[in-house]
């Protein structure tokens, strides 16, 4: 559905994920994070997996229960609000 995302970081541990797409209809959204990638699910369906290496993003997401999502489809104006909320699931990498 999309292959990148951006992060807006505020004061303290606040963070919002900006997605370059409109999310499909779903009752719940889940963001699964580990130190190397982030996965997005709409309901039970995985809609994206994106590699990233940002320790600060991982740290902030790891301490939260939910995260705001801003849907920002191509050729659309940037929204003036958080458009959805996702639950956060932290995954550990087994070495």
PDB file of N, CA and C in Angstrom:
ATOM      1  N   UNK A   1       0.820  -1.195   0.000  1.00  0.00           N
ATOM      2  CA  UNK A   1       0.000   0.000   0.000  1.00  0.00           C
ATOM      3  C   UNK A   1       0.868   1.265   0.000  1.00  0.00           C
ATOM      4  N   UNK A   2       1.948   1.253   0.799  1.00  0.00           N
ATOM      5  CA  UNK A   2       2.928   2.334   0.793  1.00  0.00           C
ATOM      6  C   UNK A   2       4.265   1.755   1.217  1.00  0.00           C
ATOM      7  N   UNK A   3       5.353   2.417   0.840  1.00  0.00           N
ATOM      8  CA  UNK A   3       6.672   1.851   1.139  1.00  0.00           C
ATOM      9  C   UNK A   3       7.587   2.800   1.891  1.00  0.00           C
ATOM     10  N   UNK A   4       7.029   3.874   2.425  1.00  0.00           N
ATOM     11  CA  UNK A   4       7.799   4.767   3.292  1.00  0.00           C
ATOM     12  C   UNK A   4       6.848   5.498   4.224  1.00  0.00           C
ATOM     13  N   UNK A   5       7.418   6.119   5.227  1.00  0.00           N
ATOM     14  CA  UNK A   5       6.650   6.953   6.141  1.00  0.00           C
ATOM     15  C   UNK A   5       7.616   7.940   6.785  1.00  0.00           C
ATOM     16  N   UNK A   6       7.064   8.960   7.406  1.00  0.00           N
ATOM     17  CA  UNK A   6       7.871   9.944   8.106  1.00  0.00           C
ATOM     18  C   UNK A   6       7.385  10.040   9.549  1.00  0.00           C
ATOM     19  N   UNK A   7       8.206  10.641  10.380  1.00  0.00           N
ATOM     20  CA  UNK A   7       7.879  10.762  11.795  1.00  0.00           C
ATOM     21  C   UNK A   7       7.981  12.222  12.213  1.00  0.00           C
ATOM     22  N   UNK A   8       6.960  12.697  12.916  1.00  0.00           N
ATOM     23  CA  UNK A   8       6.996  14.024  13.514  1.00  0.00           C
ATOM     24  C   UNK A   8       7.218  13.825  15.004  1.00  0.00           C
ATOM     25  N   UNK A   9       8.297  14.400  15.523  1.00  0.00           N
ATOM     26  CA  UNK A   9       8.607  14.227  16.938  1.00  0.00           C
ATOM     27  C   UNK A   9       8.453  15.558  17.650  1.00  0.00           C
ATOM     28  N   UNK A  10       7.726  15.513  18.747  1.00  0.00           N
ATOM     29  CA  UNK A  10       7.504  16.702  19.549  1.00  0.00           C
ATOM     30  C   UNK A  10       8.323  16.655  20.820  1.00  0.00           C
ATOM     31  N   UNK A  11       7.944  17.479  21.756  1.00  0.00           N
ATOM     32  CA  UNK A  11       8.655  17.522  23.027  1.00  0.00           C
ATOM     33  C   UNK A  11       8.415  16.237  23.810  1.00  0.00           C
ATOM     34  N   UNK A  12       9.353  15.954  24.684  1.00  0.00           N
ATOM     35  CA  UNK A  12       9.233  14.745  25.502  1.00  0.00           C
ATOM     36  C   UNK A  12       9.333  13.508  24.636  1.00  0.00           C
ATOM     37  N   UNK A  13       8.375  12.620  24.788  1.00  0.00           N
ATOM     38  CA  UNK A  13       8.391  11.364  24.040  1.00  0.00           C
ATOM     39  C   UNK A  13       7.312  11.323  22.955  1.00  0.00           C
ATOM     40  N   UNK A  14       6.728  12.469  22.613  1.00  0.00           N
ATOM     41  CA  UNK A  14       5.632  12.474  21.643  1.00  0.00           C
ATOM     42  C   UNK A  14       6.128  12.191  20.232  1.00  0.00           C
ATOM     43  N   UNK A  15       5.287  11.484  19.471  1.00  0.00           N
ATOM     44  CA  UNK A  15       5.614  11.121  18.094  1.00  0.00           C
ATOM     45  C   UNK A  15       4.322  10.869  17.326  1.00  0.00           C
ATOM     46  N   UNK A  16       4.331  11.219  16.048  1.00  0.00           N
ATOM     47  CA  UNK A  16       3.225  10.979  15.129  1.00  0.00           C
ATOM     48  C   UNK A  16       3.829  10.395  13.863  1.00  0.00           C
ATOM     49  N   UNK A  17       3.135   9.440  13.249  1.00  0.00           N
ATOM     50  CA  UNK A  17       3.609   8.840  12.004  1.00  0.00           C
ATOM     51  C   UNK A  17       2.824   9.434  10.838  1.00  0.00           C
ATOM     52  N   UNK A  18       3.547   9.899   9.821  1.00  0.00           N
ATOM     53  CA  UNK A  18       2.931  10.452   8.614  1.00  0.00           C
ATOM     54  C   UNK A  18       3.033   9.390   7.516  1.00  0.00           C
ATOM     55  N   UNK A  19       1.878   9.017   6.977  1.00  0.00           N
ATOM     56  CA  UNK A  19       1.789   7.955   5.975  1.00  0.00           C
ATOM     57  C   UNK A  19       1.395   8.578   4.636  1.00  0.00           C
ATOM     58  N   UNK A  20       2.135   8.264   3.556  1.00  0.00           N
ATOM     59  CA  UNK A  20       1.838   8.862   2.255  1.00  0.00           C
ATOM     60  C   UNK A  20       0.718   8.128   1.507  1.00  0.00           C
ATOM     61  N   UNK A  21      -0.401   7.889   2.191  1.00  0.00           N
ATOM     62  CA  UNK A  21      -1.507   7.143   1.587  1.00  0.00           C
ATOM     63  C   UNK A  21      -2.759   7.360   2.423  1.00  0.00           C
ATOM     64  N   UNK A  22      -3.885   6.962   1.868  1.00  0.00           N
ATOM     65  CA  UNK A  22      -5.131   6.920   2.625  1.00  0.00           C
ATOM     66  C   UNK A  22      -5.299   5.488   3.113  1.00  0.00           C
ATOM     67  N   UNK A  23      -5.525   5.312   4.402  1.00  0.00           N
ATOM     68  CA  UNK A  23      -5.643   3.965   4.970  1.00  0.00           C
ATOM     69  C   UNK A  23      -6.965   3.329   4.585  1.00  0.00           C
ATOM     70  N   UNK A  24      -6.982   2.004   4.443  1.00  0.00           N
ATOM     71  CA  UNK A  24      -8.246   1.318   4.166  1.00  0.00           C
ATOM     72  C   UNK A  24      -9.154   1.378   5.392  1.00  0.00           C
ATOM     73  N   UNK A  25     -10.419   1.160   5.183  1.00  0.00           N
ATOM     74  CA  UNK A  25     -11.361   1.132   6.299  1.00  0.00           C
ATOM     75  C   UNK A  25     -11.036  -0.059   7.196  1.00  0.00           C
ATOM     76  N   UNK A  26     -10.984   0.182   8.503  1.00  0.00           N
ATOM     77  CA  UNK A  26     -10.726  -0.885   9.473  1.00  0.00           C
ATOM     78  C   UNK A  26     -11.198  -0.419  10.839  1.00  0.00           C
ATOM     79  N   UNK A  27     -11.567  -1.374  11.681  1.00  0.00           N
ATOM     80  CA  UNK A  27     -11.964  -1.031  13.044  1.00  0.00           C
ATOM     81  C   UNK A  27     -10.771  -0.616  13.876  1.00  0.00           C
ATOM     82  N   UNK A  28      -9.624  -1.274  13.658  1.00  0.00           N
ATOM     83  CA  UNK A  28      -8.412  -0.948  14.407  1.00  0.00           C
ATOM     84  C   UNK A  28      -7.209  -0.943  13.479  1.00  0.00           C
ATOM     85  N   UNK A  29      -6.226  -0.176  13.874  1.00  0.00           N
ATOM     86  CA  UNK A  29      -4.934  -0.150  13.194  1.00  0.00           C
ATOM     87  C   UNK A  29      -3.879  -0.500  14.223  1.00  0.00           C
ATOM     88  N   UNK A  30      -2.854  -1.228  13.781  1.00  0.00           N
ATOM     89  CA  UNK A  30      -1.762  -1.620  14.659  1.00  0.00           C
ATOM     90  C   UNK A  30      -0.443  -1.313  13.970  1.00  0.00           C
ATOM     91  N   UNK A  31       0.486  -0.768  14.743  1.00  0.00           N
ATOM     92  CA  UNK A  31       1.846  -0.519  14.281  1.00  0.00           C
ATOM     93  C   UNK A  31       2.745  -1.430  15.111  1.00  0.00           C
ATOM     94  N   UNK A  32       3.432  -2.368  14.451  1.00  0.00           N
ATOM     95  CA  UNK A  32       4.371  -3.268  15.119  1.00  0.00           C
ATOM     96  C   UNK A  32       5.777  -2.762  14.842  1.00  0.00           C
ATOM     97  N   UNK A  33       6.535  -2.523  15.897  1.00  0.00           N
ATOM     98  CA  UNK A  33       7.877  -1.965  15.720  1.00  0.00           C
ATOM     99  C   UNK A  33       8.946  -2.876  16.316  1.00  0.00           C
ATOM    100  N   UNK A  34      10.068  -2.926  15.640  1.00  0.00           N
ATOM    101  CA  UNK A  34      11.288  -3.498  16.191  1.00  0.00           C
ATOM    102  C   UNK A  34      12.398  -2.533  15.796  1.00  0.00           C
ATOM    103  N   UNK A  35      13.617  -2.835  16.146  1.00  0.00           N
ATOM    104  CA  UNK A  35      14.712  -1.896  15.877  1.00  0.00           C
ATOM    105  C   UNK A  35      15.021  -1.744  14.398  1.00  0.00           C
ATOM    106  N   UNK A  36      14.547  -2.659  13.561  1.00  0.00           N
ATOM    107  CA  UNK A  36      14.899  -2.634  12.139  1.00  0.00           C
ATOM    108  C   UNK A  36      13.754  -2.339  11.194  1.00  0.00           C
ATOM    109  N   UNK A  37      12.507  -2.526  11.633  1.00  0.00           N
ATOM    110  CA  UNK A  37      11.380  -2.302  10.726  1.00  0.00           C
ATOM    111  C   UNK A  37      10.121  -1.917  11.485  1.00  0.00           C
ATOM    112  N   UNK A  38       9.162  -1.444  10.725  1.00  0.00           N
ATOM    113  CA  UNK A  38       7.863  -1.081  11.263  1.00  0.00           C
ATOM    114  C   UNK A  38       6.806  -1.685  10.335  1.00  0.00           C
ATOM    115  N   UNK A  39       5.816  -2.340  10.917  1.00  0.00           N
ATOM    116  CA  UNK A  39       4.737  -2.978  10.157  1.00  0.00           C
ATOM    117  C   UNK A  39       3.426  -2.294  10.503  1.00  0.00           C
ATOM    118  N   UNK A  40       2.585  -2.164   9.508  1.00  0.00           N
ATOM    119  CA  UNK A  40       1.276  -1.547   9.685  1.00  0.00           C
ATOM    120  C   UNK A  40       0.204  -2.578   9.351  1.00  0.00           C
ATOM    121  N   UNK A  41      -0.802  -2.686  10.226  1.00  0.00           N
ATOM    122  CA  UNK A  41      -1.933  -3.572   9.977  1.00  0.00           C
ATOM    123  C   UNK A  41      -3.229  -2.782  10.071  1.00  0.00           C
ATOM    124  N   UNK A  42      -4.127  -3.097   9.160  1.00  0.00           N
ATOM    125  CA  UNK A  42      -5.500  -2.599   9.209  1.00  0.00           C
ATOM    126  C   UNK A  42      -6.351  -3.807   9.563  1.00  0.00           C
ATOM    127  N   UNK A  43      -6.899  -3.811  10.769  1.00  0.00           N
ATOM    128  CA  UNK A  43      -7.560  -5.023  11.249  1.00  0.00           C
ATOM    129  C   UNK A  43      -6.522  -6.120  11.359  1.00  0.00           C
ATOM    130  N   UNK A  44      -6.747  -7.242  10.706  1.00  0.00           N
ATOM    131  CA  UNK A  44      -5.777  -8.353  10.724  1.00  0.00           C
ATOM    132  C   UNK A  44      -4.858  -8.357   9.508  1.00  0.00           C
ATOM    133  N   UNK A  45      -5.109  -7.469   8.553  1.00  0.00           N
ATOM    134  CA  UNK A  45      -4.354  -7.462   7.302  1.00  0.00           C
ATOM    135  C   UNK A  45      -3.125  -6.569   7.386  1.00  0.00           C
ATOM    136  N   UNK A  46      -1.962  -7.137   7.058  1.00  0.00           N
ATOM    137  CA  UNK A  46      -0.759  -6.318   6.984  1.00  0.00           C
ATOM    138  C   UNK A  46      -0.830  -5.486   5.709  1.00  0.00           C
ATOM    139  N   UNK A  47      -0.629  -4.173   5.847  1.00  0.00           N
ATOM    140  CA  UNK A  47      -0.732  -3.297   4.680  1.00  0.00           C
ATOM    141  C   UNK A  47       0.610  -2.694   4.280  1.00  0.00           C
ATOM    142  N   UNK A  48       1.607  -2.769   5.157  1.00  0.00           N
ATOM    143  CA  UNK A  48       2.933  -2.246   4.803  1.00  0.00           C
ATOM    144  C   UNK A  48       3.965  -2.739   5.808  1.00  0.00           C
ATOM    145  N   UNK A  49       5.201  -2.885   5.319  1.00  0.00           N
ATOM    146  CA  UNK A  49       6.350  -3.133   6.182  1.00  0.00           C
ATOM    147  C   UNK A  49       7.492  -2.283   5.646  1.00  0.00           C
ATOM    148  N   UNK A  50       8.055  -1.474   6.523  1.00  0.00           N
ATOM    149  CA  UNK A  50       9.058  -0.496   6.112  1.00  0.00           C
ATOM    150  C   UNK A  50      10.302  -0.645   6.976  1.00  0.00           C
ATOM    151  N   UNK A  51      11.466  -0.838   6.362  1.00  0.00           N
ATOM    152  CA  UNK A  51      12.702  -0.866   7.148  1.00  0.00           C
ATOM    153  C   UNK A  51      13.068   0.545   7.594  1.00  0.00           C
ATOM    154  N   UNK A  52      13.623   0.664   8.777  1.00  0.00           N
ATOM    155  CA  UNK A  52      14.121   1.958   9.264  1.00  0.00           C
ATOM    156  C   UNK A  52      15.166   1.697  10.325  1.00  0.00           C
ATOM    157  N   UNK A  53      16.004   2.668  10.561  1.00  0.00           N
ATOM    158  CA  UNK A  53      17.050   2.573  11.590  1.00  0.00           C
ATOM    159  C   UNK A  53      17.128   3.907  12.306  1.00  0.00           C
ATOM    160  N   UNK A  54      16.238   4.099  13.240  1.00  0.00           N
ATOM    161  CA  UNK A  54      16.231   5.338  14.000  1.00  0.00           C
ATOM    162  C   UNK A  54      15.949   4.981  15.458  1.00  0.00           C
ATOM    163  N   UNK A  55      16.984   4.994  16.264  1.00  0.00           N
ATOM    164  CA  UNK A  55      16.847   4.572  17.664  1.00  0.00           C
ATOM    165  C   UNK A  55      15.872   5.452  18.435  1.00  0.00           C
ATOM    166  N   UNK A  56      15.823   6.735  18.120  1.00  0.00           N
ATOM    167  CA  UNK A  56      14.918   7.637  18.830  1.00  0.00           C
ATOM    168  C   UNK A  56      13.457   7.311  18.497  1.00  0.00           C
ATOM    169  N   UNK A  57      13.167   7.019  17.235  1.00  0.00           N
ATOM    170  CA  UNK A  57      11.807   6.618  16.844  1.00  0.00           C
ATOM    171  C   UNK A  57      11.422   5.338  17.570  1.00  0.00           C
ATOM    172  N   UNK A  58      12.299   4.344  17.557  1.00  0.00           N
ATOM    173  CA  UNK A  58      12.010   3.082  18.233  1.00  0.00           C
ATOM    174  C   UNK A  58      11.762   3.306  19.722  1.00  0.00           C
ATOM    175  N   UNK A  59      12.600   4.112  20.356  1.00  0.00           N
ATOM    176  CA  UNK A  59      12.460   4.389  21.784  1.00  0.00           C
ATOM    177  C   UNK A  59      11.108   5.043  22.087  1.00  0.00           C
ATOM    178  N   UNK A  60      10.749   6.049  21.308  1.00  0.00           N
ATOM    179  CA  UNK A  60       9.480   6.746  21.564  1.00  0.00           C
ATOM    180  C   UNK A  60       8.281   5.829  21.331  1.00  0.00           C
ATOM    181  N   UNK A  61       8.311   5.062  20.253  1.00  0.00           N
ATOM    182  CA  UNK A  61       7.194   4.152  19.988  1.00  0.00           C
ATOM    183  C   UNK A  61       7.120   3.040  21.028  1.00  0.00           C
ATOM    184  N   UNK A  62       8.257   2.595  21.521  1.00  0.00           N
ATOM    185  CA  UNK A  62       8.293   1.517  22.511  1.00  0.00           C
ATOM    186  C   UNK A  62       7.645   1.908  23.829  1.00  0.00           C
ATOM    187  N   UNK A  63       7.664   3.184  24.164  1.00  0.00           N
ATOM    188  CA  UNK A  63       7.108   3.638  25.438  1.00  0.00           C
ATOM    189  C   UNK A  63       5.640   4.042  25.342  1.00  0.00           C
ATOM    190  N   UNK A  64       5.075   4.046  24.141  1.00  0.00           N
ATOM    191  CA  UNK A  64       3.684   4.465  23.960  1.00  0.00           C
ATOM    192  C   UNK A  64       2.770   3.254  23.779  1.00  0.00           C
ATOM    193  N   UNK A  65       1.501   3.449  24.028  1.00  0.00           N
ATOM    194  CA  UNK A  65       0.502   2.408  23.801  1.00  0.00           C
ATOM    195  C   UNK A  65      -0.219   2.627  22.478  1.00  0.00           C
ATOM    196  N   UNK A  66      -0.308   3.899  22.086  1.00  0.00           N
ATOM    197  CA  UNK A  66      -0.950   4.278  20.841  1.00  0.00           C
ATOM    198  C   UNK A  66      -0.132   5.368  20.166  1.00  0.00           C
ATOM    199  N   UNK A  67      -0.332   5.512  18.857  1.00  0.00           N
ATOM    200  CA  UNK A  67       0.369   6.546  18.108  1.00  0.00           C
ATOM    201  C   UNK A  67      -0.617   7.178  17.126  1.00  0.00           C
ATOM    202  N   UNK A  68      -0.497   8.485  16.957  1.00  0.00           N
ATOM    203  CA  UNK A  68      -1.306   9.178  15.974  1.00  0.00           C
ATOM    204  C   UNK A  68      -0.774   8.936  14.578  1.00  0.00           C
ATOM    205  N   UNK A  69      -1.687   8.792  13.630  1.00  0.00           N
ATOM    206  CA  UNK A  69      -1.331   8.618  12.225  1.00  0.00           C
ATOM    207  C   UNK A  69      -1.890   9.791  11.432  1.00  0.00           C
ATOM    208  N   UNK A  70      -1.086  10.332  10.534  1.00  0.00           N
ATOM    209  CA  UNK A  70      -1.528  11.386   9.640  1.00  0.00           C
ATOM    210  C   UNK A  70      -1.468  10.825   8.228  1.00  0.00           C
ATOM    211  N   UNK A  71      -2.625  10.710   7.593  1.00  0.00           N
ATOM    212  CA  UNK A  71      -2.694  10.223   6.220  1.00  0.00           C
ATOM    213  C   UNK A  71      -2.459  11.406   5.287  1.00  0.00           C
ATOM    214  N   UNK A  72      -1.451  11.281   4.440  1.00  0.00           N
ATOM    215  CA  UNK A  72      -1.048  12.375   3.559  1.00  0.00           C
ATOM    216  C   UNK A  72      -0.843  11.834   2.139  1.00  0.00           C
ATOM    217  N   UNK A  73      -1.953  11.515   1.439  1.00  0.00           N
ATOM    218  CA  UNK A  73      -1.832  10.972   0.084  1.00  0.00           C
ATOM    219  C   UNK A  73      -1.177  11.974  -0.873  1.00  0.00           C
ATOM    220  N   UNK A  74      -0.521  11.435  -1.891  1.00  0.00           N
ATOM    221  CA  UNK A  74       0.138  12.258  -2.899  1.00  0.00           C
ATOM    222  C   UNK A  74      -0.865  13.229  -3.534  1.00  0.00           C
ATOM    223  N   UNK A  75      -0.393  14.420  -3.806  1.00  0.00           N
ATOM    224  CA  UNK A  75      -1.181  15.477  -4.450  1.00  0.00           C
ATOM    225  C   UNK A  75      -2.340  15.987  -3.594  1.00  0.00           C
ATOM    226  N   UNK A  76      -2.293  15.744  -2.295  1.00  0.00           N
ATOM    227  CA  UNK A  76      -3.307  16.265  -1.379  1.00  0.00           C
ATOM    228  C   UNK A  76      -2.657  17.275  -0.432  1.00  0.00           C
ATOM    229  N   UNK A  77      -3.412  18.233   0.072  1.00  0.00           N
ATOM    230  CA  UNK A  77      -2.821  19.145   1.054  1.00  0.00           C
ATOM    231  C   UNK A  77      -2.543  18.402   2.362  1.00  0.00           C
ATOM    232  N   UNK A  78      -1.530  18.869   3.072  1.00  0.00           N
ATOM    233  CA  UNK A  78      -1.201  18.242   4.357  1.00  0.00           C
ATOM    234  C   UNK A  78      -2.358  18.465   5.325  1.00  0.00           C
ATOM    235  N   UNK A  79      -2.862  17.410   5.972  1.00  0.00           N
ATOM    236  CA  UNK A  79      -3.989  17.549   6.895  1.00  0.00           C
ATOM    237  C   UNK A  79      -3.630  18.419   8.098  1.00  0.00           C
ATOM    238  N   UNK A  80      -4.644  19.019   8.670  1.00  0.00           N
ATOM    239  CA  UNK A  80      -4.416  19.875   9.833  1.00  0.00           C
ATOM    240  C   UNK A  80      -4.695  19.148  11.146  1.00  0.00           C
ATOM    241  N   UNK A  81      -4.791  17.804  11.080  1.00  0.00           N
ATOM    242  CA  UNK A  81      -5.061  17.028  12.299  1.00  0.00           C
ATOM    243  C   UNK A  81      -4.564  15.593  12.122  1.00  0.00           C
ATOM    244  N   UNK A  82      -4.515  14.864  13.217  1.00  0.00           N
ATOM    245  CA  UNK A  82      -4.228  13.431  13.188  1.00  0.00           C
ATOM    246  C   UNK A  82      -5.466  12.759  12.619  1.00  0.00           C
ATOM    247  N   UNK A  83      -5.300  11.918  11.610  1.00  0.00           N
ATOM    248  CA  UNK A  83      -6.457  11.334  10.931  1.00  0.00           C
ATOM    249  C   UNK A  83      -6.846   9.952  11.444  1.00  0.00           C
ATOM    250  N   UNK A  84      -5.959   9.284  12.172  1.00  0.00           N
ATOM    251  CA  UNK A  84      -6.251   7.975  12.749  1.00  0.00           C
ATOM    252  C   UNK A  84      -5.322   7.720  13.923  1.00  0.00           C
ATOM    253  N   UNK A  85      -5.622   6.680  14.676  1.00  0.00           N
ATOM    254  CA  UNK A  85      -4.792   6.272  15.808  1.00  0.00           C
ATOM    255  C   UNK A  85      -4.546   4.775  15.673  1.00  0.00           C
ATOM    256  N   UNK A  86      -3.327   4.344  15.985  1.00  0.00           N
ATOM    257  CA  UNK A  86      -2.985   2.915  15.917  1.00  0.00           C
ATOM    258  C   UNK A  86      -2.460   2.447  17.265  1.00  0.00           C
ATOM    259  N   UNK A  87      -2.768   1.204  17.585  1.00  0.00           N
ATOM    260  CA  UNK A  87      -2.169   0.569  18.752  1.00  0.00           C
ATOM    261  C   UNK A  87      -0.717   0.236  18.414  1.00  0.00           C
ATOM    262  N   UNK A  88       0.134   0.199  19.430  1.00  0.00           N
ATOM    263  CA  UNK A  88       1.545  -0.120  19.207  1.00  0.00           C
ATOM    264  C   UNK A  88       1.857  -1.481  19.798  1.00  0.00           C
ATOM    265  N   UNK A  89       2.565  -2.269  19.017  1.00  0.00           N
ATOM    266  CA  UNK A  89       3.026  -3.593  19.424  1.00  0.00           C
ATOM    267  C   UNK A  89       4.543  -3.585  19.251  1.00  0.00           C
ATOM    268  N   UNK A  90       5.281  -3.891  20.310  1.00  0.00           N
ATOM    269  CA  UNK A  90       6.751  -3.880  20.245  1.00  0.00           C
ATOM    270  C   UNK A  90       7.230  -5.305  20.046  1.00  0.00           C
ATOM    271  N   UNK A  91       8.067  -5.497  19.020  1.00  0.00           N
ATOM    272  CA  UNK A  91       8.626  -6.810  18.715  1.00  0.00           C
ATOM    273  C   UNK A  91      10.099  -6.790  19.072  1.00  0.00           C
ATOM    274  N   UNK A  92      10.570  -7.873  19.635  1.00  0.00           N
ATOM    275  CA  UNK A  92      11.992  -7.997  19.951  1.00  0.00           C
ATOM    276  C   UNK A  92      12.656  -8.829  18.874  1.00  0.00           C
ATOM    277  N   UNK A  93      13.862  -8.424  18.499  1.00  0.00           N
ATOM    278  CA  UNK A  93      14.641  -9.154  17.515  1.00  0.00           C
ATOM    279  C   UNK A  93      15.457 -10.223  18.228  1.00  0.00           C
ATOM    280  N   UNK A  94      15.298 -11.462  17.812  1.00  0.00           N
ATOM    281  CA  UNK A  94      16.069 -12.568  18.400  1.00  0.00           C
ATOM    282  C   UNK A  94      17.319 -12.742  17.569  1.00  0.00           C
ATOM    283  N   UNK A  95      18.454 -12.745  18.240  1.00  0.00           N
ATOM    284  CA  UNK A  95      19.723 -12.852  17.520  1.00  0.00           C
ATOM    285  C   UNK A  95      20.284 -14.231  17.563  1.00  0.00           C
TER     286      UNK A  95
END
